[in-house]
Protein backbone atom coordinates (compact mmCIF):
# COMPACT_ATOMS: atom_id res chain seq x y z
CA UNK A 1 0.00 0.00 0.00
CA UNK A 2 2.80 2.43 0.90
CA UNK A 3 4.39 1.94 -2.53
CA UNK A 4 1.03 2.50 -4.21
CA UNK A 5 0.50 5.72 -2.28
CA UNK A 6 3.99 6.87 -3.25
CA UNK A 7 3.07 6.60 -6.93
CA UNK A 8 -0.17 8.45 -6.28
CA UNK A 9 1.60 11.26 -4.46
CA UNK A 10 3.76 11.98 -7.48
CA UNK A 11 1.03 14.26 -8.82
CA UNK A 12 0.02 15.92 -5.58
CA UNK A 13 1.21 19.24 -4.10
CA UNK A 14 1.47 21.16 -0.86
CA UNK A 15 0.64 24.23 1.14
CA UNK A 16 2.56 26.82 3.15
CA UNK A 17 1.57 28.37 6.44
CA UNK A 18 0.30 31.92 6.21
CA UNK A 19 2.87 33.27 8.67
CA UNK A 20 5.84 31.21 7.57
CA UNK A 21 5.21 31.92 3.93
CA UNK A 22 4.65 35.63 4.47
CA UNK A 23 7.98 35.95 6.25
CA UNK A 24 9.79 34.48 3.23
CA UNK A 25 7.54 35.89 0.51
CA UNK A 26 10.35 37.92 -1.05
CA UNK A 27 12.61 34.84 -1.21
CA UNK A 28 10.23 32.01 -2.10
CA UNK A 29 7.13 32.42 -4.22
CA UNK A 30 4.35 29.88 -4.73
CA UNK A 31 4.25 29.26 -8.47
CA UNK A 32 1.79 26.40 -8.50
CA UNK A 33 -0.43 24.49 -6.08
CA UNK A 34 -2.49 21.39 -6.86
CA UNK A 35 -4.96 19.84 -4.45
CA UNK A 36 -6.43 16.45 -5.26
CA UNK A 37 -9.44 15.12 -3.33
CA UNK A 38 -9.96 11.36 -3.65
CA UNK A 39 -12.86 9.89 -1.65
CA UNK A 40 -12.84 6.14 -0.97
CA UNK A 41 -9.59 5.74 -2.88
CA UNK A 42 -7.51 3.90 -0.26
CA UNK A 43 -7.27 3.16 3.44
CA UNK A 44 -4.38 4.43 5.51
CA UNK A 45 -1.62 1.77 5.64
CA UNK A 46 -2.10 1.44 9.42
CA UNK A 47 -5.88 0.98 9.27
CA UNK A 48 -6.86 -2.33 10.81
CA UNK A 49 -10.60 -1.77 10.81
CA UNK A 50 -11.92 -1.05 7.34
CA UNK A 51 -15.52 -0.28 8.07
CA UNK A 52 -15.45 3.44 7.24
CA UNK A 53 -15.36 5.54 4.07
CA UNK A 54 -11.81 6.97 3.87
CA UNK A 55 -10.86 10.31 2.34
CA UNK A 56 -7.40 10.81 0.83
CA UNK A 57 -6.23 14.36 0.04
CA UNK A 58 -2.95 15.19 -1.66
CA UNK A 59 -1.08 18.47 -2.03
CA UNK A 60 1.66 19.07 -4.60
CA UNK A 61 3.43 22.40 -4.57
CA UNK A 62 6.04 24.22 -6.61
CA UNK A 63 7.98 27.13 -5.14
CA UNK A 64 10.63 29.31 -6.75
CA UNK A 65 13.71 30.77 -5.05
CA UNK A 66 13.73 34.45 -6.02
CA UNK A 67 16.88 35.30 -4.09
CA UNK A 68 20.46 35.51 -5.36
CA UNK A 69 21.69 32.77 -3.04
CA UNK A 70 20.81 29.15 -2.21
CA UNK A 71 18.15 28.50 0.44
CA UNK A 72 17.80 25.58 2.84
CA UNK A 73 15.78 25.42 6.01
CA UNK A 74 12.55 24.49 7.73
CA UNK A 75 9.17 24.62 6.03
CA UNK A 76 5.92 24.72 8.00
CA UNK A 77 2.53 24.09 6.40
CA UNK A 78 -0.98 24.21 7.91
CA UNK A 79 -3.05 21.03 7.80
CA UNK A 80 -6.54 20.17 9.11
CA UNK A 81 -5.14 18.20 12.04
CA UNK A 82 -8.39 18.48 13.99
CA UNK A 83 -10.45 16.76 11.30
CA UNK A 84 -11.89 13.41 12.37
CA UNK A 85 -9.23 10.66 12.37
CA UNK A 86 -6.59 12.86 10.69
CA UNK A 87 -3.42 10.94 9.77
CA UNK A 88 -0.40 11.59 7.57
CA UNK A 89 0.15 9.07 4.77
CA UNK A 90 3.26 10.27 2.94
CA UNK A 91 5.56 13.31 2.87
CA UNK A 92 8.41 13.91 0.42
CA UNK A 93 10.34 16.49 -1.54
CA UNK A 94 12.33 16.16 -4.76
CA UNK A 95 15.76 16.91 -6.12
CA UNK A 96 16.00 19.94 -8.39
CA UNK A 97 16.04 17.74 -11.53
CA UNK A 98 13.19 15.53 -10.18
CA UNK A 99 15.40 12.44 -10.49
CA UNK A 100 15.14 11.64 -6.77
CA UNK A 101 12.31 11.69 -4.26
CA UNK A 102 13.21 11.98 -0.59
CA UNK A 103 10.79 10.65 2.00
CA UNK A 104 11.44 13.10 4.80
CA UNK A 105 11.12 13.20 8.57
CA UNK A 106 8.46 15.62 9.71
CA UNK A 107 6.84 16.97 12.87
CA UNK A 108 3.08 17.41 13.23
CA UNK A 109 1.91 20.02 15.74
CA UNK A 110 -1.75 19.22 16.33
CA UNK A 111 -2.31 22.28 18.52
CA UNK A 112 -0.97 24.71 15.90
CA UNK A 113 -2.40 22.62 13.06
CA UNK A 114 0.87 22.42 11.12
CA UNK A 115 3.42 20.02 9.70
CA UNK A 116 7.09 21.01 9.40
CA UNK A 117 10.32 19.59 7.96
CA UNK A 118 13.75 20.63 6.69
CA UNK A 119 14.41 20.71 2.93
CA UNK A 120 16.48 17.76 1.72
CA UNK A 121 18.61 19.89 -0.62
CA UNK A 122 19.52 23.52 -1.08
CA UNK A 123 17.26 25.47 -3.41
CA UNK A 124 19.48 27.36 -5.85
CA UNK A 125 18.71 30.83 -7.20
CA UNK A 126 15.74 30.69 -9.63
CA UNK A 127 15.37 26.95 -8.94
CA UNK A 128 12.05 25.28 -8.19
CA UNK A 129 11.32 23.26 -5.08
CA UNK A 130 8.66 20.55 -5.27
CA UNK A 131 7.13 18.66 -2.38
CA UNK A 132 4.11 16.48 -1.63
CA UNK A 133 1.89 15.55 1.30
CA UNK A 134 -0.79 12.87 1.55
CA UNK A 135 -3.16 12.77 4.49
CA UNK A 136 -6.31 10.91 5.43
CA UNK A 137 -9.46 11.93 7.31
CA UNK A 138 -12.92 10.55 7.92
CA UNK A 139 -14.63 13.75 6.75
CA UNK A 140 -16.97 12.09 4.27
CA UNK A 141 -20.63 12.21 5.30
CA UNK A 142 -22.24 8.80 4.81
CA UNK A 143 -25.95 7.96 4.70
CA UNK A 144 -26.09 4.42 3.40
CA UNK A 145 -25.06 4.67 -0.27
CA UNK A 146 -25.29 8.49 -0.27
CA UNK A 147 -21.88 10.17 0.22
CA UNK A 148 -21.14 13.89 0.48
CA UNK A 149 -18.29 16.25 1.32
CA UNK A 150 -18.00 19.99 1.92
CA UNK A 151 -14.49 21.18 1.02
CA UNK A 152 -13.27 24.72 1.69
CA UNK A 153 -9.89 26.19 0.70
CA UNK A 154 -8.60 29.56 1.88
CA UNK A 155 -5.47 30.72 0.12
CA UNK A 156 -2.53 31.15 2.48
CA UNK A 157 -0.49 33.23 -0.01
CA UNK A 158 -0.48 34.58 -3.56
CA UNK A 159 -0.52 31.57 -5.92
CA UNK A 160 0.25 31.81 -9.63
CA UNK A 161 -1.72 28.72 -10.63
CA UNK A 162 -4.16 26.82 -8.41
CA UNK A 163 -5.67 23.49 -9.42
CA UNK A 164 -8.30 21.70 -7.31
CA UNK A 165 -9.46 18.27 -8.51
CA UNK A 166 -12.11 15.80 -7.36
CA UNK A 167 -11.96 12.15 -8.45
CA UNK A 168 -14.98 9.85 -8.46
CA UNK A 169 -14.38 6.45 -6.80
CA UNK A 170 -14.68 3.25 -8.82
CA UNK A 171 -18.28 2.01 -9.07
CA UNK A 172 -19.68 5.35 -7.90
CA UNK A 173 -22.52 7.03 -9.77
CA UNK A 174 -24.11 10.44 -10.12
CA UNK A 175 -21.15 12.47 -8.87
CA UNK A 176 -22.10 16.14 -8.69
CA UNK A 177 -19.99 19.14 -7.76
CA UNK A 178 -21.23 22.56 -6.68
CA UNK A 179 -20.35 24.90 -8.23
CA UNK A 180 -20.04 23.00 -11.49
CA UNK A 181 -16.64 23.66 -13.11
CA UNK A 182 -16.76 25.99 -16.07
CA UNK A 183 -15.41 24.77 -19.40
CA UNK A 184 -12.41 27.10 -19.23
CA UNK A 185 -11.63 25.92 -15.69
CA UNK A 186 -11.84 22.15 -16.10
CA UNK A 187 -8.53 20.76 -17.35
CA UNK A 188 -8.87 17.22 -16.01
CA UNK A 189 -8.62 14.15 -18.22
CA UNK A 190 -11.32 11.50 -18.32
CA UNK A 191 -14.89 11.55 -17.05
CA UNK A 192 -14.10 10.53 -13.45
CA UNK A 193 -12.11 13.64 -12.47
CA UNK A 194 -13.35 17.21 -12.42
CA UNK A 195 -10.80 19.98 -12.02
CA UNK A 196 -10.96 23.69 -11.26
CA UNK A 197 -8.13 25.89 -12.51
CA UNK A 198 -7.58 29.38 -11.12
CA UNK A 199 -4.95 31.95 -12.05
CA UNK A 200 -3.38 34.60 -9.79
CA UNK A 201 -5.14 33.61 -6.58
CA UNK A 202 -4.56 36.16 -3.81
CA UNK A 203 -3.84 35.45 -0.15
CA UNK A 204 -7.10 35.18 1.75
CA UNK A 205 -9.19 34.21 -1.28
CA UNK A 206 -11.64 31.42 -0.47
CA UNK A 207 -12.93 28.55 -2.59
CA UNK A 208 -15.88 26.44 -1.46
CA UNK A 209 -17.08 23.18 -2.99
CA UNK A 210 -19.71 20.55 -2.28
CA UNK A 211 -19.45 17.04 -3.66
CA UNK A 212 -21.98 14.22 -3.58
CA UNK A 213 -22.33 10.81 -5.23
CA UNK A 214 -23.99 7.41 -4.85
CA UNK A 215 -21.96 4.27 -4.08
CA UNK A 216 -23.03 0.89 -2.72
CA UNK A 217 -19.56 -0.64 -3.06
CA UNK A 218 -17.63 -0.64 0.23
CA UNK A 219 -14.16 -1.53 -1.08
CA UNK A 220 -11.89 1.42 -1.95
CA UNK A 221 -10.67 2.00 -5.49
CA UNK A 222 -7.21 0.54 -4.81
CA UNK A 223 -8.63 -2.81 -3.66
CA UNK A 224 -10.86 -3.02 -6.73
CA UNK A 225 -7.83 -2.27 -8.92
CA UNK A 226 -5.81 -4.94 -7.10
CA UNK A 227 -8.52 -7.48 -7.94
CA UNK A 228 -8.30 -6.46 -11.59
CA UNK A 229 -4.52 -7.01 -11.49
CA UNK A 230 -5.05 -10.53 -10.18
CA UNK A 231 -7.27 -11.30 -13.17
CA UNK A 232 -4.63 -10.36 -15.70
CA UNK A 233 -1.52 -9.64 -13.67
CA UNK A 234 1.02 -8.99 -16.38
CA UNK A 235 -1.17 -6.72 -18.48
CA UNK A 236 -2.59 -4.74 -15.58
CA UNK A 237 0.75 -4.38 -13.77
CA UNK A 238 2.27 -2.88 -16.90
CA UNK A 239 -0.64 -0.48 -17.28
CA UNK A 240 -0.47 0.52 -13.60
CA UNK A 241 3.25 1.29 -13.89
CA UNK A 242 2.72 3.39 -16.99
CA UNK A 243 -0.10 5.23 -15.24
CA UNK A 244 2.07 6.00 -12.22
CA UNK A 245 4.94 7.38 -14.27
CA UNK A 246 2.71 9.08 -16.81
CA UNK A 247 0.61 10.79 -14.16
CA UNK A 248 3.54 12.67 -12.66
CA UNK A 249 5.05 13.60 -16.01
CA UNK A 250 1.73 14.31 -17.69
CA UNK A 251 0.30 16.56 -15.00
CA UNK A 252 3.58 18.42 -14.64
CA UNK A 253 3.79 19.04 -18.36
CA UNK A 254 0.11 20.01 -18.52
CA UNK A 255 0.45 22.49 -15.69
CA UNK A 256 3.70 23.89 -17.06
CA UNK A 257 2.09 24.34 -20.47
CA UNK A 258 -0.95 26.11 -19.06
CA UNK A 259 1.24 28.32 -16.90
CA UNK A 260 3.42 29.25 -19.90
CA UNK A 261 0.34 30.27 -21.90
CA UNK A 262 -0.98 32.38 -19.04
CA UNK A 263 2.38 34.08 -18.57
CA UNK A 264 2.63 34.82 -22.32
CA UNK A 265 -0.83 36.38 -22.28
CA UNK A 266 0.15 38.47 -19.29
CA UNK A 267 3.32 39.70 -21.04
CA UNK A 268 1.38 40.59 -24.20
CA UNK A 269 -1.15 42.51 -22.12
CA UNK A 270 1.65 44.42 -20.37
CA UNK A 271 3.32 45.19 -23.70
CA UNK A 272 0.04 46.50 -25.11
CA UNK A 273 -0.43 48.67 -22.06
CA UNK A 274 3.00 50.23 -22.61
């Protein structure tokens, strides 16, 4: 399970604390933040009782060092530690060329509602720093086969590109999101994921979503996928590996491409204004 969650986390991103980020705002800027909400996707590796509907949320963040010198130090990020049955699943950061992922030691302060760690490598001038967090809660509301979730996000800093995605569990039906994503917002692939894309989000901006769907199946998506692997192990294992690698590369390229287009538009607008 831990290995499976590692692959999943390759396309997630992270958050910074309002205070900690504000203090370093001139040095590190938040270029991109992705939040992926995956209900009934997997149980926490330490779960012994599996009679609840789990919620897995992943953050994947990209920061840029705007200073003239290398930076290395402690990062502190707020997390909903007081949510029901909150637990960390996986935390890592990456080398500057993305060739290595470092599973890092971290400290969770439940009173402050934060997680903190020290960067694995120095962040060079103009270099990007990428990191991921996976955590689990029991925040899903369950009434027999009816499942619902209210998800709120308040921006902790200025963010160049914000992506919030919701993925429908296997064998779920009638998934509905409020507000419905607009065509120019939704950049997700496939019909089981809906994504909201926002540009130039300011600190303090709030985003509120409500999700609901029907699902009689009690097994999480990962267990259903494992059963499919057992049916045709070689074929499915190959597909799963390609999906894991392709997800990280594909989402990164997609986000980078969208960001480049937005930046070009911004430059053209500034040139026109001059």
